């Protein structure tokens, strides 16, 4: 089984990188062939070193650099990566994204999205909007523009049979189901929470 991951490690260093590394590590241990599509090819090595992971991860992953202008920031660089290599991604059994799904990805065989909290739900529900976008004029203008642009490039409805969703909290699950209506959702708490809750919802 060939699996592709579309992600920029070290773009916003933090727990998201650790989750992504753990996913890559688990897939490699199971014997899957993993390819990383990224505009920051050096990012995965930085993340591996920062979190003290085995450098063999970098050796075993096929890293494919996709040129994206540096002025284009997350999440829009993820959209552009996906669009530019869509025909190549079509050959994979599974393509993994984080938090949101670029519109071109709806054409893929299977999509798995690991969700910390999606931009799409923030926009649809007007929930958990960052403080800097809520309480000053400049921030409100930026948020309005982001709302308009995001809807053009990312899926706002996940109710498709080829989309599978993993969430890591009950709040995220509730908001994702309410806003994006996916057919398949699995909740897996992060190990640090001490939880062991696993729930699957299937429809259609």
Protein backbone atom coordinates (compact mmCIF):
# COMPACT_ATOMS: atom_id res chain seq x y z
CA UNK A 1 0.00 0.00 0.00
CA UNK A 2 1.45 3.34 -1.07
CA UNK A 3 0.64 6.34 1.11
CA UNK A 4 1.30 10.02 0.47
CA UNK A 5 1.38 12.76 3.10
CA UNK A 6 0.96 16.41 2.14
CA UNK A 7 2.49 18.46 4.92
CA UNK A 8 5.13 21.07 5.75
CA UNK A 9 7.10 20.03 8.80
CA UNK A 10 8.68 22.85 10.83
CA UNK A 11 6.51 25.53 9.23
CA UNK A 12 4.78 26.05 12.59
CA UNK A 13 6.89 23.95 15.00
CA UNK A 14 4.94 22.27 17.76
CA UNK A 15 2.74 19.34 18.67
CA UNK A 16 1.33 19.05 15.16
CA UNK A 17 4.76 18.07 13.88
CA UNK A 18 5.08 15.43 16.59
CA UNK A 19 1.70 13.91 15.66
CA UNK A 20 2.68 13.87 11.98
CA UNK A 21 6.01 12.21 12.81
CA UNK A 22 4.28 9.58 14.91
CA UNK A 23 1.94 8.81 12.01
CA UNK A 24 4.87 8.51 9.59
CA UNK A 25 6.75 6.30 12.05
CA UNK A 26 3.76 4.00 12.58
CA UNK A 27 3.19 3.62 8.83
CA UNK A 28 6.84 2.77 8.20
CA UNK A 29 6.82 0.20 11.02
CA UNK A 30 3.84 -1.48 9.34
CA UNK A 31 5.79 -1.72 6.10
CA UNK A 32 3.94 0.90 4.08
CA UNK A 33 5.73 2.96 1.44
CA UNK A 34 5.44 6.61 2.51
CA UNK A 35 6.01 9.69 0.35
CA UNK A 36 6.03 13.22 1.72
CA UNK A 37 4.95 16.06 -0.57
CA UNK A 38 6.20 19.33 0.84
CA UNK A 39 7.45 22.78 -0.05
CA UNK A 40 9.85 22.60 2.93
CA UNK A 41 11.85 19.39 2.36
CA UNK A 42 14.31 20.19 5.13
CA UNK A 43 11.46 20.46 7.65
CA UNK A 44 11.08 16.77 8.44
CA UNK A 45 14.74 16.44 9.43
CA UNK A 46 14.40 19.49 11.70
CA UNK A 47 11.31 17.97 13.31
CA UNK A 48 12.99 14.58 13.75
CA UNK A 49 15.96 16.17 15.46
CA UNK A 50 13.83 18.47 17.62
CA UNK A 51 11.67 15.63 18.94
CA UNK A 52 14.52 13.15 19.27
CA UNK A 53 13.15 10.70 16.71
CA UNK A 54 15.24 8.17 14.82
CA UNK A 55 16.87 9.80 11.78
CA UNK A 56 16.04 6.62 9.85
CA UNK A 57 12.57 8.13 9.38
CA UNK A 58 14.08 10.69 7.03
CA UNK A 59 15.95 7.96 5.16
CA UNK A 60 12.90 5.75 4.72
CA UNK A 61 10.45 8.44 3.58
CA UNK A 62 10.47 9.50 -0.08
CA UNK A 63 10.58 13.28 0.10
CA UNK A 64 9.17 15.16 -2.88
CA UNK A 65 9.77 18.89 -2.97
CA UNK A 66 7.07 20.99 -4.60
CA UNK A 67 8.00 24.58 -5.36
CA UNK A 68 5.61 27.08 -3.80
CA UNK A 69 6.39 30.81 -3.54
CA UNK A 70 7.44 31.64 0.03
CA UNK A 71 4.92 34.46 0.14
CA UNK A 72 2.13 31.84 0.09
CA UNK A 73 1.62 30.69 3.66
CA UNK A 74 -0.26 27.88 5.36
CA UNK A 75 -2.86 26.61 4.62
CA UNK A 76 -2.79 27.93 1.07
CA UNK A 77 0.61 26.40 0.31
CA UNK A 78 -0.94 22.99 1.04
CA UNK A 79 -3.65 23.70 -1.52
CA UNK A 80 -1.05 24.67 -4.11
CA UNK A 81 1.07 21.57 -3.46
CA UNK A 82 -2.01 19.38 -3.89
CA UNK A 83 -3.10 21.10 -7.08
CA UNK A 84 0.33 20.88 -8.68
CA UNK A 85 0.79 17.16 -8.07
CA UNK A 86 -2.83 16.00 -8.21
CA UNK A 87 -2.28 13.57 -11.08
CA UNK A 88 0.60 11.99 -9.15
CA UNK A 89 -1.39 11.80 -5.91
CA UNK A 90 -4.15 9.97 -7.79
CA UNK A 91 -1.90 6.90 -7.95
CA UNK A 92 -1.72 6.51 -4.15
CA UNK A 93 -3.98 4.21 -2.14
CA UNK A 94 -4.28 6.87 0.55
CA UNK A 95 -3.35 10.54 0.89
CA UNK A 96 -3.08 12.12 4.35
CA UNK A 97 -3.77 15.77 5.17
CA UNK A 98 -3.92 17.66 8.45
CA UNK A 99 -6.84 19.83 9.65
CA UNK A 100 -8.29 20.78 6.25
CA UNK A 101 -8.76 19.25 2.81
CA UNK A 102 -7.89 21.13 -0.40
CA UNK A 103 -10.68 20.97 -2.98
CA UNK A 104 -8.62 19.04 -5.57
CA UNK A 105 -8.23 16.21 -3.04
CA UNK A 106 -11.87 15.20 -3.40
CA UNK A 107 -10.82 13.43 -6.63
CA UNK A 108 -8.37 11.12 -4.84
CA UNK A 109 -9.03 7.43 -4.12
CA UNK A 110 -8.98 7.82 -0.33
CA UNK A 111 -8.28 10.81 1.86
CA UNK A 112 -7.45 10.68 5.55
CA UNK A 113 -7.46 13.98 7.44
CA UNK A 114 -6.08 14.17 10.97
CA UNK A 115 -7.81 17.07 12.68
CA UNK A 116 -6.52 19.14 15.57
CA UNK A 117 -9.10 21.82 14.70
CA UNK A 118 -10.02 22.79 11.12
CA UNK A 119 -10.09 26.28 9.63
CA UNK A 120 -13.28 25.20 7.87
CA UNK A 121 -15.14 24.70 11.15
CA UNK A 122 -13.92 28.05 12.48
CA UNK A 123 -15.31 29.73 9.39
CA UNK A 124 -18.62 27.88 9.22
CA UNK A 125 -19.40 28.00 12.94
CA UNK A 126 -17.57 31.25 13.73
CA UNK A 127 -16.05 29.43 16.70
CA UNK A 128 -12.55 29.57 18.21
CA UNK A 129 -11.52 32.46 15.97
CA UNK A 130 -8.09 33.64 17.16
CA UNK A 131 -8.18 36.74 19.38
CA UNK A 132 -6.10 38.85 16.99
CA UNK A 133 -8.80 38.56 14.32
CA UNK A 134 -11.75 39.47 16.54
CA UNK A 135 -11.03 42.67 18.38
CA UNK A 136 -9.36 45.14 16.04
CA UNK A 137 -10.23 46.52 12.63
CA UNK A 138 -7.18 45.18 10.80
CA UNK A 139 -7.69 41.70 12.23
CA UNK A 140 -11.36 41.67 11.24
CA UNK A 141 -10.47 42.62 7.65
CA UNK A 142 -7.84 39.87 7.45
CA UNK A 143 -10.31 37.33 8.83
CA UNK A 144 -12.96 38.39 6.32
CA UNK A 145 -10.51 37.96 3.43
CA UNK A 146 -9.42 34.59 4.80
CA UNK A 147 -13.09 33.52 4.96
CA UNK A 148 -13.60 34.38 1.30
CA UNK A 149 -10.35 32.86 0.03
CA UNK A 150 -10.56 29.69 2.09
CA UNK A 151 -13.97 28.78 0.71
CA UNK A 152 -12.53 28.97 -2.80
CA UNK A 153 -9.71 26.52 -2.17
CA UNK A 154 -10.79 24.10 0.57
CA UNK A 155 -13.67 21.69 1.06
CA UNK A 156 -16.44 23.00 3.30
CA UNK A 157 -18.39 19.73 3.20
CA UNK A 158 -16.69 16.41 3.95
CA UNK A 159 -19.74 14.22 3.33
CA UNK A 160 -17.99 12.03 0.76
CA UNK A 161 -17.34 8.27 0.81
CA UNK A 162 -13.61 8.63 0.12
CA UNK A 163 -12.95 10.95 3.09
CA UNK A 164 -12.00 9.51 6.49
CA UNK A 165 -11.49 11.74 9.52
CA UNK A 166 -9.53 11.34 12.75
CA UNK A 167 -10.12 13.86 15.54
CA UNK A 168 -8.33 14.08 18.89
CA UNK A 169 -10.96 15.64 21.19
CA UNK A 170 -14.69 15.43 21.76
CA UNK A 171 -15.03 19.18 21.11
CA UNK A 172 -13.31 18.87 17.75
CA UNK A 173 -15.43 15.86 16.87
CA UNK A 174 -18.65 17.72 17.72
CA UNK A 175 -17.66 20.78 15.69
CA UNK A 176 -16.42 18.74 12.72
CA UNK A 177 -19.60 16.68 12.59
CA UNK A 178 -21.81 19.76 12.92
CA UNK A 179 -19.97 21.92 10.39
CA UNK A 180 -18.49 19.49 7.86
CA UNK A 181 -20.73 16.41 8.13
CA UNK A 182 -18.19 13.68 7.32
CA UNK A 183 -19.42 10.13 6.74
CA UNK A 184 -16.60 8.49 8.71
CA UNK A 185 -15.14 9.89 11.92
CA UNK A 186 -12.83 8.22 14.42
CA UNK A 187 -11.85 9.86 17.70
CA UNK A 188 -8.44 8.98 19.09
CA UNK A 189 -7.22 10.93 22.10
CA UNK A 190 -3.57 11.91 22.12
CA UNK A 191 -1.52 9.79 24.56
CA UNK A 192 -0.82 12.84 26.75
CA UNK A 193 -4.52 13.13 27.64
CA UNK A 194 -4.55 9.70 29.20
CA UNK A 195 -7.74 8.88 27.36
CA UNK A 196 -8.58 5.70 25.54
CA UNK A 197 -11.78 6.67 23.80
CA UNK A 198 -12.37 5.33 20.32
CA UNK A 199 -15.59 6.05 18.46
CA UNK A 200 -16.58 5.53 14.85
CA UNK A 201 -19.53 7.07 13.08
CA UNK A 202 -20.64 5.71 9.73
CA UNK A 203 -23.45 6.89 7.51
CA UNK A 204 -24.66 6.32 3.98
